[in-house]
């Protein structure tokens, strides 16, 4: 359900609740203090949280030593929760994913170099017919230095495209495939099962946000395999151009994790990137993922 708070009202509402909102960049991200996420939020606090999430696309909280039960309850403010076909969950809490390493891949002497070179920008689970709308990620164990996460504003990335490119991609669809990302980290048997359970799906290259109406660039390097209805050469060329737009620093925010920090992002209007720069130290976070909506133009 969309909130009715616009930006000026958002800051006024926050002040009235004793909450502080500090934008992280002019484009995306804000840090919020004054809310205790380990207790049930009031309706006014919940509306404020959702309004800030829609406005800033990713919101951050510090020093929130929440229980697993509170983590699940916080996720359910945004909708029903879902698991993941590859990433394991916390014992006793099937809704909470255990995020170790880089997107579930442990960093080792062998994996470090290829994963540092790999373009890890992505929107979660776009291989689903109904990709998730939100995730709530909580820091559990952090390296002394490194292991930041970056988010990119895919509304801004679309807006910044030259008009001829916007005209070119309007109406196009792209294929998203789980095997493109997860196929290389599982057994051949599991890979075949994933291909059966999650056959490639099509989503618009440009989608509309169902709550804000904003246009969003909706392809990502991790899961998007090709653009439908064009030659392989044209598909590769277009995807390279569109993937590169996400790398523009003006569209990004970088968050340095601290103990018990939390990030909540709108998975429809962002991509994110886990920075793999901390090996041989260890990094572990926990995530709940909110079930998605149909992707529409």
Protein backbone atom coordinates (compact mmCIF):
# COMPACT_ATOMS: atom_id res chain seq x y z
CA UNK A 1 0.00 0.00 0.00
CA UNK A 2 1.54 3.30 -1.06
CA UNK A 3 2.10 5.94 1.57
CA UNK A 4 0.73 9.44 1.14
CA UNK A 5 3.74 11.19 2.69
CA UNK A 6 5.64 13.39 0.25
CA UNK A 7 9.21 14.49 0.95
CA UNK A 8 8.57 17.67 3.03
CA UNK A 9 5.88 15.88 5.01
CA UNK A 10 8.25 12.95 5.53
CA UNK A 11 10.80 15.04 7.44
CA UNK A 12 8.07 16.79 9.41
CA UNK A 13 6.48 13.46 10.34
CA UNK A 14 9.88 12.12 11.39
CA UNK A 15 10.53 15.09 13.67
CA UNK A 16 7.13 14.68 15.30
CA UNK A 17 8.06 11.08 16.18
CA UNK A 18 11.54 11.95 17.44
CA UNK A 19 13.13 10.33 14.40
CA UNK A 20 16.06 11.70 12.40
CA UNK A 21 16.48 11.10 8.65
CA UNK A 22 19.87 11.97 7.16
CA UNK A 23 20.15 11.57 3.37
CA UNK A 24 23.35 9.71 2.43
CA UNK A 25 23.73 11.18 -1.09
CA UNK A 26 21.72 13.62 -3.21
CA UNK A 27 20.35 10.66 -5.19
CA UNK A 28 19.90 7.53 -3.07
CA UNK A 29 20.03 6.34 0.51
CA UNK A 30 19.34 7.72 3.98
CA UNK A 31 20.35 6.85 7.51
CA UNK A 32 17.58 6.82 10.11
CA UNK A 33 17.90 7.04 13.89
CA UNK A 34 15.35 7.20 16.68
CA UNK A 35 13.48 3.95 15.93
CA UNK A 36 13.89 0.77 17.96
CA UNK A 37 13.44 -2.04 15.44
CA UNK A 38 13.51 -4.72 18.15
CA UNK A 39 9.96 -3.82 19.18
CA UNK A 40 6.71 -3.62 17.22
CA UNK A 41 6.42 -0.26 15.48
CA UNK A 42 3.34 1.93 15.83
CA UNK A 43 1.24 2.54 12.74
CA UNK A 44 2.73 6.04 12.41
CA UNK A 45 6.27 4.67 12.68
CA UNK A 46 5.50 1.96 10.16
CA UNK A 47 4.11 4.49 7.69
CA UNK A 48 7.18 6.68 8.16
CA UNK A 49 9.49 3.71 7.60
CA UNK A 50 7.73 2.73 4.41
CA UNK A 51 7.63 6.32 3.12
CA UNK A 52 11.37 6.72 3.69
CA UNK A 53 12.01 3.37 1.97
CA UNK A 54 10.08 4.49 -1.11
CA UNK A 55 11.65 7.94 -1.16
CA UNK A 56 15.31 6.99 -0.61
CA UNK A 57 15.19 3.44 -2.04
CA UNK A 58 17.57 2.13 0.62
CA UNK A 59 17.49 3.11 4.29
CA UNK A 60 20.08 2.34 6.97
CA UNK A 61 19.96 1.88 10.73
CA UNK A 62 22.83 1.53 13.24
CA UNK A 63 23.09 -0.35 16.53
CA UNK A 64 19.94 -2.44 16.12
CA UNK A 65 20.59 -5.65 18.07
CA UNK A 66 17.31 -7.20 17.00
CA UNK A 67 16.19 -10.77 17.67
CA UNK A 68 15.39 -13.20 14.89
CA UNK A 69 11.72 -12.79 15.74
CA UNK A 70 12.00 -9.02 15.36
CA UNK A 71 13.79 -9.44 12.04
CA UNK A 72 10.92 -11.55 10.71
CA UNK A 73 8.33 -9.11 12.10
CA UNK A 74 10.13 -6.16 10.49
CA UNK A 75 10.14 -7.92 7.13
CA UNK A 76 6.43 -8.63 7.35
CA UNK A 77 5.72 -4.90 7.55
CA UNK A 78 6.44 -4.95 3.81
CA UNK A 79 4.65 -8.17 2.88
CA UNK A 80 4.93 -11.95 2.96
CA UNK A 81 8.41 -13.44 3.22
CA UNK A 82 10.09 -16.01 0.98
CA UNK A 83 13.06 -18.36 1.07
CA UNK A 84 15.72 -19.01 -1.56
CA UNK A 85 16.42 -22.13 -3.67
CA UNK A 86 20.20 -22.00 -3.11
CA UNK A 87 21.15 -19.74 -0.18
CA UNK A 88 20.66 -21.53 3.19
CA UNK A 89 18.51 -20.22 6.01
CA UNK A 90 19.19 -19.74 9.70
CA UNK A 91 18.36 -22.85 11.69
CA UNK A 92 14.81 -22.62 13.01
CA UNK A 93 14.02 -19.54 10.92
CA UNK A 94 13.32 -20.51 7.29
CA UNK A 95 12.49 -16.87 6.47
CA UNK A 96 16.01 -15.66 7.37
CA UNK A 97 18.76 -16.29 4.83
CA UNK A 98 22.35 -16.76 5.99
CA UNK A 99 24.49 -14.54 3.77
CA UNK A 100 28.14 -15.55 4.07
CA UNK A 101 30.89 -14.38 1.75
CA UNK A 102 29.82 -12.61 -1.44
CA UNK A 103 26.17 -13.40 -2.24
CA UNK A 104 26.56 -16.76 -0.54
CA UNK A 105 29.95 -17.64 -2.03
CA UNK A 106 32.77 -17.94 0.49
CA UNK A 107 35.92 -15.99 -0.35
CA UNK A 108 39.04 -18.14 -0.48
CA UNK A 109 42.49 -17.81 -2.03
CA UNK A 110 41.02 -19.47 -5.14
CA UNK A 111 37.75 -17.52 -5.41
CA UNK A 112 39.06 -14.08 -4.41
CA UNK A 113 40.52 -12.93 -7.74
CA UNK A 114 37.61 -14.01 -10.00
CA UNK A 115 35.00 -12.58 -7.62
CA UNK A 116 36.76 -9.26 -7.28
CA UNK A 117 36.80 -9.02 -11.09
CA UNK A 118 33.19 -10.16 -11.53
CA UNK A 119 30.40 -7.62 -12.06
CA UNK A 120 28.19 -8.43 -9.06
CA UNK A 121 25.60 -5.66 -9.58
CA UNK A 122 22.15 -7.22 -9.41
CA UNK A 123 18.53 -6.99 -8.37
CA UNK A 124 17.58 -9.97 -6.21
CA UNK A 125 15.80 -12.99 -7.69
CA UNK A 126 14.74 -11.49 -11.01
CA UNK A 127 14.71 -15.10 -12.20
CA UNK A 128 11.30 -15.34 -10.52
CA UNK A 129 8.04 -14.45 -12.24
CA UNK A 130 7.39 -12.20 -9.24
CA UNK A 131 10.77 -10.89 -8.04
CA UNK A 132 10.97 -9.73 -4.44
CA UNK A 133 10.00 -6.17 -3.57
CA UNK A 134 12.27 -5.66 -0.56
CA UNK A 135 15.04 -7.11 1.57
CA UNK A 136 16.11 -6.41 5.14
CA UNK A 137 19.81 -7.20 5.70
CA UNK A 138 21.33 -7.27 9.18
CA UNK A 139 25.08 -7.39 9.97
CA UNK A 140 26.06 -10.33 12.19
CA UNK A 141 29.84 -10.77 11.83
CA UNK A 142 32.05 -8.19 10.15
CA UNK A 143 35.67 -8.02 9.06
CA UNK A 144 37.80 -5.31 10.71
CA UNK A 145 37.85 -3.44 7.40
CA UNK A 146 36.06 -3.87 4.07
CA UNK A 147 32.92 -5.79 3.16
CA UNK A 148 30.85 -2.69 2.31
CA UNK A 149 27.68 -2.92 0.22
CA UNK A 150 26.80 -0.52 -2.58
CA UNK A 151 23.38 0.31 -4.00
CA UNK A 152 22.53 1.98 -7.31
CA UNK A 153 19.36 3.93 -8.12
CA UNK A 154 17.93 2.31 -11.25
CA UNK A 155 15.37 5.11 -11.64
CA UNK A 156 18.22 7.60 -11.95
CA UNK A 157 20.09 5.21 -14.24
CA UNK A 158 17.11 5.10 -16.59
CA UNK A 159 16.55 8.87 -16.43
CA UNK A 160 20.18 9.47 -17.37
CA UNK A 161 20.02 7.45 -20.58
CA UNK A 162 20.17 9.36 -23.86
CA UNK A 163 16.72 9.70 -25.44
CA UNK A 164 17.62 7.55 -28.49
CA UNK A 165 18.53 4.70 -26.12
CA UNK A 166 15.27 5.15 -24.19
CA UNK A 167 13.40 4.98 -27.49
CA UNK A 168 15.36 1.88 -28.49
CA UNK A 169 14.61 -0.12 -25.33
CA UNK A 170 11.00 0.99 -24.82
CA UNK A 171 8.78 -2.07 -25.21
CA UNK A 172 11.63 -4.59 -25.21
CA UNK A 173 11.76 -7.62 -22.93
CA UNK A 174 14.76 -9.45 -21.51
CA UNK A 175 15.29 -12.99 -20.28
CA UNK A 176 16.36 -13.61 -16.68
CA UNK A 177 17.88 -16.97 -15.76
CA UNK A 178 18.86 -18.38 -12.35
CA UNK A 179 21.46 -20.66 -13.94
CA UNK A 180 23.42 -17.64 -15.21
CA UNK A 181 24.38 -16.80 -11.62
CA UNK A 182 23.90 -19.87 -9.44
CA UNK A 183 24.65 -22.58 -12.01
CA UNK A 184 28.39 -22.26 -11.47
CA UNK A 185 28.30 -22.78 -7.70
CA UNK A 186 26.17 -25.95 -7.41
CA UNK A 187 26.47 -29.57 -8.55
CA UNK A 188 25.36 -30.56 -12.04
CA UNK A 189 22.39 -32.34 -10.49
CA UNK A 190 21.37 -29.22 -8.57
CA UNK A 191 21.93 -27.09 -11.66
CA UNK A 192 19.55 -29.29 -13.67
CA UNK A 193 17.00 -29.07 -10.87
CA UNK A 194 17.23 -25.27 -10.78
CA UNK A 195 16.72 -25.15 -14.56
CA UNK A 196 13.59 -27.30 -14.19
CA UNK A 197 12.18 -25.44 -11.18
CA UNK A 198 13.02 -21.95 -12.45
CA UNK A 199 12.94 -21.83 -16.25
CA UNK A 200 14.02 -18.47 -17.73
CA UNK A 201 11.42 -15.71 -17.39
CA UNK A 202 10.82 -12.50 -19.33
CA UNK A 203 10.57 -9.05 -17.80
CA UNK A 204 10.34 -5.61 -19.44
CA UNK A 205 13.70 -3.90 -19.94
CA UNK A 206 12.00 -0.79 -18.56
CA UNK A 207 9.43 -1.34 -15.82
CA UNK A 208 7.19 1.04 -13.88
CA UNK A 209 7.25 1.17 -10.10
CA UNK A 210 3.75 0.13 -8.94
CA UNK A 211 3.77 2.55 -5.99
CA UNK A 212 5.66 5.62 -7.22
CA UNK A 213 5.04 5.37 -10.97
CA UNK A 214 8.75 5.92 -11.69
CA UNK A 215 10.37 4.29 -14.72
CA UNK A 216 13.10 1.81 -13.85
CA UNK A 217 15.95 0.26 -15.83
CA UNK A 218 15.29 -3.42 -15.15
CA UNK A 219 18.17 -5.52 -16.42
CA UNK A 220 21.08 -6.72 -14.31
CA UNK A 221 24.36 -8.45 -15.04
CA UNK A 222 23.84 -11.34 -12.64
CA UNK A 223 20.56 -12.70 -14.00
CA UNK A 224 19.74 -11.05 -17.36
CA UNK A 225 20.93 -13.35 -20.15
CA UNK A 226 19.61 -11.69 -23.32
CA UNK A 227 17.18 -9.19 -24.81
CA UNK A 228 14.34 -10.84 -26.67
CA UNK A 229 13.57 -10.11 -30.32
CA UNK A 230 16.93 -8.65 -31.38
CA UNK A 231 20.07 -10.24 -32.77
CA UNK A 232 22.62 -11.72 -30.40
CA UNK A 233 25.03 -8.95 -31.38
CA UNK A 234 22.47 -6.22 -30.68
CA UNK A 235 21.48 -7.87 -27.41
CA UNK A 236 25.07 -8.05 -26.20
CA UNK A 237 25.74 -4.44 -27.22
CA UNK A 238 22.61 -3.08 -25.55
CA UNK A 239 23.15 -5.06 -22.37
CA UNK A 240 26.75 -3.89 -22.07
CA UNK A 241 25.57 -0.28 -22.38
CA UNK A 242 22.77 -0.74 -19.84
CA UNK A 243 24.89 -2.69 -17.35
CA UNK A 244 27.49 0.05 -17.47
CA UNK A 245 24.92 2.71 -16.50
CA UNK A 246 24.62 1.08 -13.06
CA UNK A 247 28.34 1.69 -12.47
CA UNK A 248 27.99 5.51 -12.62
CA UNK A 249 29.01 6.83 -9.15
CA UNK A 250 26.39 9.60 -9.18
CA UNK A 251 23.69 6.91 -9.03
CA UNK A 252 25.24 5.07 -6.08
CA UNK A 253 25.55 4.97 -2.32
CA UNK A 254 28.16 2.94 -0.42
CA UNK A 255 27.42 1.74 3.10
CA UNK A 256 30.10 0.78 5.60
CA UNK A 257 28.63 -1.86 7.89
CA UNK A 258 28.97 -1.62 11.65
CA UNK A 259 27.87 -4.19 14.25
CA UNK A 260 24.08 -4.68 14.20
CA UNK A 261 23.56 -2.25 11.31
CA UNK A 262 20.53 -2.88 9.08
CA UNK A 263 19.83 -1.98 5.46
CA UNK A 264 16.35 -2.09 3.93
CA UNK A 265 16.07 -1.60 0.19
CA UNK A 266 13.40 -1.40 -2.48
CA UNK A 267 14.39 -4.28 -4.74
CA UNK A 268 12.34 -2.89 -7.63
CA UNK A 269 14.21 0.39 -8.00
CA UNK A 270 17.76 -0.55 -6.99
CA UNK A 271 20.63 -2.85 -7.71
CA UNK A 272 23.27 -3.74 -5.14
CA UNK A 273 26.84 -4.99 -5.00
CA UNK A 274 28.65 -6.76 -2.15
CA UNK A 275 32.27 -5.64 -2.15
CA UNK A 276 34.57 -8.65 -1.84
CA UNK A 277 37.69 -7.00 -0.47
CA UNK A 278 38.09 -8.48 3.01
CA UNK A 279 39.49 -12.01 2.66
CA UNK A 280 40.96 -13.75 4.70
CA UNK A 281 38.61 -12.15 7.25
CA UNK A 282 35.05 -13.43 7.68
CA UNK A 283 31.77 -11.67 6.94
CA UNK A 284 28.25 -12.91 7.71
CA UNK A 285 24.90 -11.16 7.45
CA UNK A 286 21.26 -12.26 7.68
CA UNK A 287 18.48 -11.31 5.30
CA UNK A 288 14.74 -11.58 5.08
CA UNK A 289 13.25 -11.22 1.63
CA UNK A 290 9.75 -9.93 0.87
CA UNK A 291 7.76 -11.73 -1.80
CA UNK A 292 7.27 -9.83 -5.01
CA UNK A 293 4.76 -8.34 -7.38
CA UNK A 294 4.23 -8.76 -11.11
CA UNK A 295 6.66 -6.75 -13.21
CA UNK A 296 4.74 -4.31 -15.42
CA UNK A 297 5.75 -1.68 -17.96
